[in-house]
Amino acid sequence: MYSMLTLHRFKLLTLLVIANAGALLYLSLGELKPMEIWSWTDIAGEGGSALLVLVWAWLLLKGRPAGRVTNLLFFGLACLFCSLWMDSLDEFIALPETMTLDHWLESAPMPIGFILLTLGIYHWHFEQLAISAQMINRERHFREHRQFDKLTPLGDARYFQRQLEQAMPEAQERAEPLSLVMLDLDDFSAVNNKHGLREGDRVLQLVSQQIVLNLRSHDLLCRLAGDRFIILLPSTLEAQAQVLAQELSDSLAHLALKTAGQGERITLKATAVALMARQEDASSLLKRLNIVMARAKQGPQLARSGA
C-alpha cells in the first residue's frame, strides 16, 4: 500500500529539481564569495527558514491525500521555499550588480506563496468543518446505537430519556401537547417459568412488533426494562393517549400467540396508562407516570388477594 508521500513524490522531486536549477543558475551567472565575508547570521536565518519550509512541505505531502487543498498548500510552501532558498544563495554567490534577476527570484515568489497558502488554509477550514460535522454524526449514531435494546429493535431507557428531554422543550415552544403511554405485561414471569426464557424473549419481540403496528410513524416506542414498554406521543392530548393505551391493552389480550415448539397458546394481559406532559422536566414526568402505573398494577393484585 502506497503512502501519501509516495503518491506526491513527483511534487517533492520537482521542487528539489527547481532548487538545484536555481543554484546552478546562480553559479553560472556569478561567482562564489570568499568564506571570510559570509554572514553566518543570514545564512542560519534564511537557510534555516528554507529548510523548515521544506520540512513543512514534506509533512504535508506525507499526511494528506491529493486534492485542491493539498495543492494550494504545497505550491504556497513551494513558493516560500524558493524565495528563501534563492535569498540564502545570495550569501554564497555574488552576482553582477547590473543584474536584477536575483531580486525577482527572491521577492516575487514570496507574495504568491502567501496568497496560495491563504487560499489553501481557507478551503482547509471548510474541509475541517465538514469532517467535524461527519464525526459528530457518526459519534451520535454510535452512541445512540449503543442505547438500543439488545433483544428488540427498540431504544432502551437511556435513549428514551434523551429523546424525551429533547421533545418536551420543543412541544412547549410550539404550544403542542405531548403525552406518554406506559405498558406493562401482567405476570409475564409465568411465561418464562412455563415456556422458558428463550420463548419469553420471542414473545417480547412479537409484542414490540404488535405495538408498533398500532402507532403512528412519528411516535416513539422504547423498551424500558423487562416486560415494560413506553411510548412518546407528540401532538397528542391525554384523552387520545388513554384511548391508545386501552387499544394496545386490548390488542395484546387478543393476540394469538403460540409457542414455537409445541404450539401451546400463550395468553397475555397488559396494564397500560397514559399521561400528558405538564410544565415539568422529563424526570418529573417519568416519575409521575411510574406512580400512575404502580397504582394501576396495584388494583388487580388487591383483587386477586381478596379472591
Protein backbone atom coordinates (compact mmCIF):
# COMPACT_ATOMS: atom_id res chain seq x y z
CA MET A 1 0.00 0.00 0.00
CA TYR A 2 1.50 3.34 -1.08
CA SER A 3 1.96 6.07 1.48
CA MET A 4 0.76 9.61 0.89
CA LEU A 5 4.36 10.70 0.35
CA THR A 6 4.76 8.14 -2.45
CA LEU A 7 1.58 9.49 -4.04
CA HIS A 8 3.01 13.05 -4.04
CA ARG A 9 6.65 12.16 -4.74
CA PHE A 10 6.69 13.98 -8.09
CA LYS A 11 5.74 17.26 -6.42
CA LEU A 12 8.62 16.99 -3.95
CA LEU A 13 11.09 15.86 -6.63
CA THR A 14 10.05 18.77 -8.86
CA LEU A 15 10.64 21.22 -6.02
CA LEU A 16 14.12 19.81 -5.40
CA VAL A 17 14.92 19.99 -9.12
CA ILE A 18 13.85 23.66 -9.17
CA ALA A 19 16.04 24.36 -6.12
CA ASN A 20 19.06 22.74 -7.83
CA ALA A 21 18.32 24.59 -11.04
CA GLY A 22 18.32 27.87 -9.13
CA ALA A 23 21.68 27.06 -7.55
CA LEU A 24 23.17 26.15 -10.94
CA LEU A 25 21.77 29.36 -12.46
CA TYR A 26 23.38 31.48 -9.76
CA LEU A 27 26.70 29.65 -10.17
CA SER A 28 26.64 30.15 -13.94
CA LEU A 29 25.91 33.87 -13.63
CA GLY A 30 28.08 34.76 -10.66
CA GLU A 31 31.00 33.59 -8.57
CA LEU A 32 31.46 32.21 -5.07
CA LYS A 33 32.10 34.71 -2.30
CA PRO A 34 35.11 34.25 -0.07
CA MET A 35 34.20 32.47 3.17
CA GLU A 36 35.54 35.42 5.14
CA ILE A 37 32.63 37.63 4.08
CA TRP A 38 29.89 35.07 4.62
CA SER A 39 27.21 36.31 7.02
CA TRP A 40 26.53 33.30 9.20
CA THR A 41 23.57 35.00 10.85
CA ASP A 42 21.83 35.50 7.50
CA ILE A 43 22.80 32.00 6.38
CA ALA A 44 21.29 30.48 9.52
CA GLY A 45 18.16 32.64 9.33
CA GLU A 46 17.41 32.38 5.61
CA GLY A 47 18.76 28.86 5.07
CA GLY A 48 17.17 27.54 8.26
CA SER A 49 13.82 29.06 7.27
CA ALA A 50 14.05 27.47 3.81
CA LEU A 51 14.85 24.12 5.41
CA LEU A 52 11.88 24.38 7.80
CA VAL A 53 9.52 25.25 4.94
CA LEU A 54 10.82 22.23 3.04
CA VAL A 55 10.09 20.05 6.11
CA TRP A 56 6.56 21.52 6.28
CA ALA A 57 6.01 20.61 2.63
CA TRP A 58 7.31 17.08 3.28
CA LEU A 59 4.98 16.62 6.26
CA LEU A 60 2.07 17.99 4.26
CA LEU A 61 2.62 15.56 1.41
CA LYS A 62 3.22 12.72 3.85
CA GLY A 63 -0.12 13.16 5.59
CA ARG A 64 -2.67 14.45 3.07
CA PRO A 65 -4.40 12.95 0.03
CA ALA A 66 -4.24 14.63 -3.33
CA GLY A 67 -6.70 17.41 -3.98
CA ARG A 68 -7.24 21.14 -4.27
CA VAL A 69 -6.40 21.94 -0.66
CA THR A 70 -3.19 19.90 -0.74
CA ASN A 71 -2.11 21.53 -4.00
CA LEU A 72 -2.75 25.05 -2.75
CA LEU A 73 -0.86 24.45 0.49
CA PHE A 74 2.03 22.71 -1.23
CA PHE A 75 2.51 25.27 -4.02
CA GLY A 76 2.25 28.04 -1.45
CA LEU A 77 5.01 26.43 0.63
CA ALA A 78 6.99 25.76 -2.55
CA CYS A 79 6.94 29.45 -3.45
CA LEU A 80 8.07 30.39 0.07
CA PHE A 81 10.85 27.81 -0.09
CA CYS A 82 12.06 29.05 -3.48
CA SER A 83 12.12 32.65 -2.28
CA LEU A 84 14.04 31.80 0.91
CA TRP A 85 16.35 29.43 -0.97
CA MET A 86 17.28 31.98 -3.59
CA ASP A 87 17.76 34.55 -0.86
CA SER A 88 20.13 32.23 1.00
CA LEU A 89 22.14 31.59 -2.20
CA ASP A 90 22.92 35.30 -2.22
CA GLU A 91 25.04 34.74 0.86
CA PHE A 92 27.33 32.35 -1.04
CA ILE A 93 27.28 33.61 -4.62
CA ALA A 94 27.95 37.17 -5.84
CA LEU A 95 26.03 38.20 -8.95
CA PRO A 96 26.87 41.20 -11.14
CA GLU A 97 25.48 44.45 -9.72
CA THR A 98 23.75 45.22 -13.00
CA MET A 99 21.71 42.01 -12.81
CA THR A 100 18.24 42.30 -11.29
CA LEU A 101 17.21 38.71 -11.87
CA ASP A 102 18.12 37.73 -8.33
CA HIS A 103 15.80 40.38 -6.87
CA TRP A 104 12.88 38.98 -8.83
CA LEU A 105 13.69 35.38 -7.90
CA GLU A 106 13.98 36.30 -4.21
CA SER A 107 10.96 38.63 -3.93
CA ALA A 108 8.32 37.54 -6.48
CA PRO A 109 7.60 34.01 -5.17
CA MET A 110 7.00 35.22 -1.59
CA PRO A 111 3.67 37.09 -2.04
CA ILE A 112 2.44 34.42 -4.47
CA GLY A 113 3.21 31.79 -1.85
CA PHE A 114 1.33 33.65 0.88
CA ILE A 115 -1.69 34.07 -1.42
CA LEU A 116 -1.73 30.35 -2.23
CA LEU A 117 -1.29 29.43 1.44
CA THR A 118 -4.15 31.72 2.42
CA LEU A 119 -6.44 30.15 -0.15
CA GLY A 120 -5.38 26.68 0.95
CA ILE A 121 -5.99 27.42 4.63
CA TYR A 122 -9.35 28.97 3.76
CA HIS A 123 -10.52 25.83 1.97
CA TRP A 124 -8.89 23.64 4.62
CA HIS A 125 -11.01 25.41 7.23
CA PHE A 126 -14.24 24.42 5.49
CA GLU A 127 -12.87 20.94 4.91
CA GLN A 128 -12.28 20.54 8.65
CA LEU A 129 -15.77 21.85 9.45
CA ALA A 130 -17.27 19.22 7.14
CA ILE A 131 -15.15 16.47 8.69
CA SER A 132 -16.11 17.60 12.20
CA ALA A 133 -19.80 17.53 11.28
CA GLN A 134 -19.43 13.98 9.93
CA MET A 135 -17.61 12.87 13.08
CA ILE A 136 -20.31 14.34 15.28
CA ASN A 137 -22.98 12.50 13.30
CA ARG A 138 -21.03 9.25 13.48
CA GLU A 139 -20.45 9.67 17.20
CA ARG A 140 -24.12 10.39 17.79
CA HIS A 141 -25.16 7.39 15.69
CA PHE A 142 -22.70 5.14 17.55
CA ARG A 143 -23.82 6.47 20.92
CA GLU A 144 -27.49 6.02 20.07
CA HIS A 145 -26.77 2.58 18.61
CA ARG A 146 -25.32 1.56 21.96
CA GLN A 147 -28.54 2.76 23.59
CA PHE A 148 -30.70 0.29 21.68
CA ASP A 149 -32.17 -2.74 23.36
CA LYS A 150 -30.25 -5.96 22.68
CA LEU A 151 -33.38 -8.10 22.36
CA THR A 152 -35.84 -5.94 20.46
CA PRO A 153 -35.14 -3.36 17.74
CA LEU A 154 -36.18 -0.60 20.17
CA GLY A 155 -34.39 2.10 22.07
CA ASP A 156 -33.66 1.49 25.73
CA ALA A 157 -34.47 3.62 28.79
CA ARG A 158 -31.47 5.94 28.33
CA TYR A 159 -32.34 6.54 24.71
CA PHE A 160 -35.96 7.33 25.61
CA GLN A 161 -34.84 9.72 28.35
CA ARG A 162 -32.70 11.66 25.86
CA GLN A 163 -35.47 11.83 23.27
CA LEU A 164 -37.99 12.94 25.88
CA GLU A 165 -35.66 15.67 27.13
CA GLN A 166 -35.42 16.99 23.57
CA ALA A 167 -39.14 16.64 22.75
CA MET A 168 -40.56 18.37 25.83
CA PRO A 169 -39.00 21.83 25.28
CA GLU A 170 -39.89 21.67 21.60
CA ALA A 171 -43.52 20.85 22.42
CA GLN A 172 -43.68 23.68 24.97
CA GLU A 173 -42.16 26.12 22.49
CA ARG A 174 -44.74 25.19 19.84
CA ALA A 175 -47.55 25.03 22.42
CA GLU A 176 -48.37 21.47 21.36
CA PRO A 177 -49.49 18.63 23.66
CA LEU A 178 -47.17 15.73 24.33
CA SER A 179 -48.24 12.51 26.03
CA LEU A 180 -46.73 9.24 27.20
CA VAL A 181 -48.12 5.72 27.36
CA MET A 182 -46.54 3.08 29.58
CA LEU A 183 -47.42 -0.56 29.05
CA ASP A 184 -46.52 -3.39 31.41
CA LEU A 185 -47.22 -7.09 30.76
CA ASP A 186 -49.01 -8.70 33.72
CA ASP A 187 -47.44 -11.80 35.27
CA PHE A 188 -45.01 -12.17 32.39
CA SER A 189 -42.71 -14.18 34.65
CA ALA A 190 -45.23 -17.03 34.32
CA VAL A 191 -44.48 -17.21 30.60
CA ASN A 192 -40.75 -17.50 31.31
CA ASN A 193 -41.30 -20.08 34.04
CA LYS A 194 -43.63 -22.24 31.97
CA HIS A 195 -42.12 -21.98 28.49
CA GLY A 196 -38.53 -20.91 29.15
CA LEU A 197 -36.53 -17.69 28.73
CA ARG A 198 -35.98 -18.19 25.00
CA GLU A 199 -39.71 -18.39 24.39
CA GLY A 200 -40.21 -15.37 26.63
CA ASP A 201 -37.72 -13.39 24.56
CA ARG A 202 -39.54 -14.34 21.38
CA VAL A 203 -42.84 -13.19 22.89
CA LEU A 204 -41.32 -9.81 23.79
CA GLN A 205 -40.15 -9.39 20.21
CA LEU A 206 -43.64 -10.19 18.91
CA VAL A 207 -45.21 -7.83 21.45
CA SER A 208 -42.93 -4.97 20.33
CA GLN A 209 -43.94 -5.61 16.72
CA GLN A 210 -47.64 -5.65 17.63
CA ILE A 211 -47.34 -2.32 19.45
CA VAL A 212 -45.50 -0.70 16.54
CA LEU A 213 -48.32 -1.73 14.19
CA ASN A 214 -50.73 0.36 16.27
CA LEU A 215 -48.58 3.53 16.33
CA ARG A 216 -48.11 6.46 14.00
CA SER A 217 -44.89 6.94 12.10
CA HIS A 218 -43.73 9.80 14.35
CA ASP A 219 -44.48 8.02 17.64
CA LEU A 220 -41.52 6.57 19.53
CA LEU A 221 -41.65 3.15 21.20
CA CYS A 222 -38.89 2.06 23.58
CA ARG A 223 -38.36 -0.82 25.95
CA LEU A 224 -37.74 0.42 29.47
CA ALA A 225 -36.79 -2.88 31.07
CA GLY A 226 -38.01 -6.45 31.14
CA ASP A 227 -41.64 -6.53 30.06
CA ARG A 228 -42.29 -2.78 30.34
CA PHE A 229 -42.60 -0.53 27.29
CA ILE A 230 -43.05 3.21 26.91
CA ILE A 231 -44.32 5.34 24.04
CA LEU A 232 -43.70 9.01 23.25
CA LEU A 233 -46.70 10.59 21.53
CA PRO A 234 -46.07 14.05 20.02
CA SER A 235 -49.07 16.31 19.35
CA THR A 236 -51.32 14.06 21.42
CA LEU A 237 -53.76 15.03 24.18
CA GLU A 238 -54.10 12.90 27.29
CA ALA A 239 -57.57 11.65 26.30
CA GLN A 240 -56.19 10.45 22.96
CA ALA A 241 -53.28 8.77 24.71
CA GLN A 242 -55.66 6.99 27.09
CA VAL A 243 -57.67 5.65 24.15
CA LEU A 244 -54.47 4.35 22.58
CA ALA A 245 -53.41 2.76 25.87
CA GLN A 246 -56.68 0.85 26.06
CA GLU A 247 -56.43 -0.20 22.41
CA LEU A 248 -52.93 -1.54 22.94
CA SER A 249 -54.01 -3.47 26.01
CA ASP A 250 -56.93 -5.00 24.08
CA SER A 251 -54.81 -5.87 21.07
CA LEU A 252 -52.32 -7.80 23.21
CA ALA A 253 -55.13 -9.62 25.03
CA HIS A 254 -56.48 -10.81 21.66
CA LEU A 255 -53.07 -11.58 20.17
CA ALA A 256 -52.96 -15.21 19.01
CA LEU A 257 -49.62 -16.36 20.34
CA LYS A 258 -48.39 -19.93 20.34
CA THR A 259 -45.09 -21.40 21.45
CA ALA A 260 -42.58 -22.13 18.70
CA GLY A 261 -42.04 -25.71 19.84
CA GLN A 262 -45.30 -27.34 20.99
CA GLY A 263 -47.75 -24.76 19.67
CA GLU A 264 -49.24 -24.06 23.10
CA ARG A 265 -51.42 -20.98 23.41
CA ILE A 266 -49.90 -18.04 25.29
CA THR A 267 -52.36 -15.57 26.77
CA LEU A 268 -51.13 -12.09 27.54
CA LYS A 269 -52.57 -9.33 29.64
CA ALA A 270 -51.17 -5.84 29.89
CA THR A 271 -51.68 -2.78 32.06
CA ALA A 272 -51.41 0.45 30.09
CA VAL A 273 -51.56 4.01 31.47
CA ALA A 274 -51.29 7.41 29.83
CA LEU A 275 -50.29 10.92 30.93
CA MET A 276 -49.81 14.28 29.24
CA ALA A 277 -46.77 16.41 29.97
CA ARG A 278 -47.21 19.50 32.14
CA GLN A 279 -44.85 22.32 33.00
CA GLU A 280 -42.24 19.89 34.32
CA ASP A 281 -39.00 18.26 33.34
CA ALA A 282 -38.57 14.80 31.85
CA SER A 283 -37.58 13.14 35.14
CA SER A 284 -40.65 14.50 36.94
CA LEU A 285 -42.94 13.33 34.13
CA LEU A 286 -41.49 9.82 34.19
CA LYS A 287 -41.74 9.69 37.98
CA ARG A 288 -45.41 10.69 37.79
CA LEU A 289 -46.03 8.07 35.11
CA ASN A 290 -44.40 5.34 37.21
CA ILE A 291 -46.64 6.27 40.17
CA VAL A 292 -49.75 6.00 37.99
CA MET A 293 -48.54 2.63 36.69
CA ALA A 294 -47.88 1.37 40.23
CA ARG A 295 -51.41 2.33 41.29
CA ALA A 296 -52.90 0.70 38.19
CA LYS A 297 -50.96 -2.52 38.86
CA GLN A 298 -51.99 -2.48 42.50
CA GLY A 299 -55.72 -2.79 41.72
CA PRO A 300 -55.59 -6.26 40.06
CA GLN A 301 -53.21 -7.52 42.74
CA LEU A 302 -55.62 -6.48 45.51
CA ALA A 303 -58.48 -8.10 43.62
CA ARG A 304 -56.56 -11.39 43.34
CA SER A 305 -55.58 -11.34 47.01
CA GLY A 306 -59.20 -10.66 48.05
CA ALA A 307 -60.42 -13.54 45.94
